[in-house]
C-alpha atoms as a PDB file:
ATOM      1  CA  MET A   1      -2.605 -39.698 -34.076  1.00  0.00           C
ATOM      2  CA  LYS A   2      -4.518 -42.568 -32.512  1.00  0.00           C
ATOM      3  CA  ALA A   3      -6.409 -40.098 -30.296  1.00  0.00           C
ATOM      4  CA  VAL A   4      -7.508 -38.128 -33.359  1.00  0.00           C
ATOM      5  CA  TYR A   5      -8.745 -41.320 -35.031  1.00  0.00           C
ATOM      6  CA  VAL A   6     -10.676 -42.367 -31.921  1.00  0.00           C
ATOM      7  CA  ALA A   7     -12.188 -38.883 -31.620  1.00  0.00           C
ATOM      8  CA  MET A   8     -13.287 -38.965 -35.271  1.00  0.00           C
ATOM      9  CA  LEU A   9     -14.924 -42.378 -34.810  1.00  0.00           C
ATOM     10  CA  ALA A  10     -16.706 -41.192 -31.678  1.00  0.00           C
ATOM     11  CA  ALA A  11     -17.993 -38.086 -33.470  1.00  0.00           C
ATOM     12  CA  ALA A  12     -19.241 -40.212 -36.370  1.00  0.00           C
ATOM     13  CA  GLY A  13     -21.034 -42.480 -33.907  1.00  0.00           C
ATOM     14  CA  VAL A  14     -22.777 -39.521 -32.297  1.00  0.00           C
ATOM     15  CA  VAL A  15     -23.908 -38.234 -35.696  1.00  0.00           C
ATOM     16  CA  ILE A  16     -25.186 -41.665 -36.754  1.00  0.00           C
ATOM     17  CA  ALA A  17     -26.961 -42.223 -33.434  1.00  0.00           C
ATOM     18  CA  GLY A  18     -28.518 -38.767 -33.688  1.00  0.00           C
ATOM     19  CA  GLN A  19     -29.712 -39.510 -37.220  1.00  0.00           C
ATOM     20  CA  ALA A  20     -31.254 -42.825 -36.155  1.00  0.00           C
ATOM     21  CA  GLN A  21     -33.124 -41.100 -33.342  1.00  0.00           C
ATOM     22  CA  ALA A  22     -34.255 -38.331 -35.700  1.00  0.00           C
ATOM     23  CA  ASP A  23     -35.665 -40.899 -38.132  1.00  0.00           C
ATOM     24  CA  GLU A  24     -37.453 -42.737 -35.338  1.00  0.00           C
ATOM     25  CA  ALA A  25     -38.835 -39.367 -34.267  1.00  0.00           C
ATOM     26  CA  LEU A  26     -40.113 -38.829 -37.826  1.00  0.00           C
ATOM     27  CA  ALA A  27     -41.790 -42.252 -37.760  1.00  0.00           C
ATOM     28  CA  LYS A  28     -43.485 -41.317 -34.497  1.00  0.00           C
ATOM     29  CA  ALA A  29     -44.448 -37.864 -35.785  1.00  0.00           C
ATOM     30  CA  LYS A  30     -46.012 -39.347 -38.929  1.00  0.00           C
ATOM     31  CA  ASN A  31     -47.932 -41.892 -36.801  1.00  0.00           C
ATOM     32  CA  CYS A  32     -46.154 -44.891 -38.345  1.00  0.00           C
ATOM     33  CA  MET A  33     -45.690 -46.407 -34.897  1.00  0.00           C
ATOM     34  CA  ALA A  34     -49.472 -46.739 -34.492  1.00  0.00           C
ATOM     35  CA  CYS A  35     -49.331 -49.771 -36.800  1.00  0.00           C
ATOM     36  CA  HIS A  36     -45.642 -50.774 -36.692  1.00  0.00           C
ATOM     37  CA  ALA A  37     -42.969 -51.432 -34.081  1.00  0.00           C
ATOM     38  CA  ILE A  38     -39.267 -51.941 -34.510  1.00  0.00           C
ATOM     39  CA  ASP A  39     -39.139 -55.489 -33.186  1.00  0.00           C
ATOM     40  CA  LYS A  40     -42.679 -56.923 -33.191  1.00  0.00           C
ATOM     41  CA  LYS A  41     -45.703 -57.158 -35.455  1.00  0.00           C
ATOM     42  CA  VAL A  42     -48.514 -54.792 -34.519  1.00  0.00           C
ATOM     43  CA  VAL A  43     -51.033 -54.229 -37.336  1.00  0.00           C
ATOM     44  CA  GLY A  44     -48.226 -54.162 -39.865  1.00  0.00           C
ATOM     45  CA  PRO A  45     -44.915 -56.005 -39.832  1.00  0.00           C
ATOM     46  CA  ALA A  46     -42.018 -55.246 -37.497  1.00  0.00           C
ATOM     47  CA  TYR A  47     -39.474 -52.949 -39.081  1.00  0.00           C
ATOM     48  CA  LYS A  48     -36.772 -55.562 -38.399  1.00  0.00           C
ATOM     49  CA  ASP A  49     -38.777 -58.060 -40.472  1.00  0.00           C
ATOM     50  CA  VAL A  50     -39.113 -55.565 -43.322  1.00  0.00           C
ATOM     51  CA  ALA A  51     -35.361 -54.912 -43.240  1.00  0.00           C
ATOM     52  CA  ALA A  52     -34.639 -58.652 -43.301  1.00  0.00           C
ATOM     53  CA  LYS A  53     -37.020 -59.241 -46.227  1.00  0.00           C
ATOM     54  CA  TYR A  54     -35.396 -56.537 -48.360  1.00  0.00           C
ATOM     55  CA  LYS A  55     -31.781 -57.151 -47.296  1.00  0.00           C
ATOM     56  CA  GLY A  56     -29.530 -56.995 -50.337  1.00  0.00           C
ATOM     57  CA  ASP A  57     -32.229 -55.511 -52.586  1.00  0.00           C
ATOM     58  CA  LYS A  58     -30.621 -52.460 -54.207  1.00  0.00           C
ATOM     59  CA  GLY A  59     -34.010 -50.990 -55.119  1.00  0.00           C
ATOM     60  CA  ALA A  60     -35.514 -51.452 -51.662  1.00  0.00           C
ATOM     61  CA  VAL A  61     -35.325 -47.797 -50.577  1.00  0.00           C
ATOM     62  CA  ALA A  62     -37.235 -46.636 -53.645  1.00  0.00           C
ATOM     63  CA  THR A  63     -39.735 -49.512 -53.393  1.00  0.00           C
ATOM     64  CA  LEU A  64     -40.485 -48.888 -49.721  1.00  0.00           C
ATOM     65  CA  ALA A  65     -40.557 -45.109 -50.112  1.00  0.00           C
ATOM     66  CA  ALA A  66     -43.205 -45.513 -52.822  1.00  0.00           C
ATOM     67  CA  LYS A  67     -45.236 -47.852 -50.583  1.00  0.00           C
ATOM     68  CA  ILE A  68     -44.949 -45.469 -47.643  1.00  0.00           C
ATOM     69  CA  LYS A  69     -46.226 -42.601 -49.786  1.00  0.00           C
ATOM     70  CA  ALA A  70     -48.935 -44.426 -51.765  1.00  0.00           C
ATOM     71  CA  GLY A  71     -49.850 -47.286 -49.431  1.00  0.00           C
ATOM     72  CA  GLY A  72     -49.934 -50.952 -50.317  1.00  0.00           C
ATOM     73  CA  LYS A  73     -51.530 -54.315 -49.672  1.00  0.00           C
ATOM     74  CA  GLY A  74     -50.973 -58.004 -50.000  1.00  0.00           C
ATOM     75  CA  VAL A  75     -47.257 -58.187 -49.223  1.00  0.00           C
ATOM     76  CA  TRP A  76     -47.608 -58.687 -45.449  1.00  0.00           C
ATOM     77  CA  GLY A  77     -51.169 -59.989 -45.226  1.00  0.00           C
ATOM     78  CA  GLU A  78     -54.697 -58.871 -45.864  1.00  0.00           C
ATOM     79  CA  VAL A  79     -54.656 -55.570 -43.954  1.00  0.00           C
ATOM     80  CA  PRO A  80     -53.739 -52.759 -46.365  1.00  0.00           C
ATOM     81  CA  MET A  81     -51.404 -49.924 -45.442  1.00  0.00           C
ATOM     82  CA  PRO A  82     -53.105 -46.625 -46.279  1.00  0.00           C
ATOM     83  CA  PRO A  83     -51.308 -43.823 -48.107  1.00  0.00           C
ATOM     84  CA  ASN A  84     -49.310 -41.626 -45.765  1.00  0.00           C
ATOM     85  CA  ASN A  85     -49.126 -37.860 -45.705  1.00  0.00           C
ATOM     86  CA  VAL A  86     -45.369 -37.584 -46.230  1.00  0.00           C
ATOM     87  CA  THR A  87     -43.184 -35.790 -48.719  1.00  0.00           C
ATOM     88  CA  PRO A  88     -41.066 -37.879 -51.093  1.00  0.00           C
ATOM     89  CA  GLU A  89     -38.016 -36.863 -49.036  1.00  0.00           C
ATOM     90  CA  GLU A  90     -39.669 -37.990 -45.797  1.00  0.00           C
ATOM     91  CA  ALA A  91     -40.714 -41.283 -47.402  1.00  0.00           C
ATOM     92  CA  THR A  92     -37.120 -41.919 -48.496  1.00  0.00           C
ATOM     93  CA  LYS A  93     -35.796 -41.010 -45.057  1.00  0.00           C
ATOM     94  CA  LEU A  94     -38.285 -43.355 -43.394  1.00  0.00           C
ATOM     95  CA  ALA A  95     -37.546 -46.190 -45.842  1.00  0.00           C
ATOM     96  CA  THR A  96     -33.814 -45.812 -45.267  1.00  0.00           C
ATOM     97  CA  TRP A  97     -34.341 -45.908 -41.507  1.00  0.00           C
ATOM     98  CA  VAL A  98     -36.621 -48.969 -41.688  1.00  0.00           C
ATOM     99  CA  LEU A  99     -34.087 -50.846 -43.806  1.00  0.00           C
ATOM    100  CA  ALA A 100     -31.334 -50.080 -41.260  1.00  0.00           C
ATOM    101  CA  GLN A 101     -33.163 -51.933 -38.461  1.00  0.00           C
ATOM    102  CA  LYS A 102     -31.525 -55.164 -37.304  1.00  0.00           C
END
């Protein structure tokens, strides 16, 4: 029984790791990484800093998805983030991935 439990946990880890890589791939494909990095400020904030700022905010996914889609300014400095050519589903997927960074 313990072997089955360990196998299930390992399979879940592979799925989660695959999803995280897929979302990073989406960020790269949508050119998000031109202005952002996971762990350091580039033009925009580091994704880890965004995740820390919104930690515990139940509406954060929707808020960030809207900003990803429509753009924004003033939250992280003077440089505005332009609107991005993403679907609402892609924006939500990207926001969820950003908020999972630690």
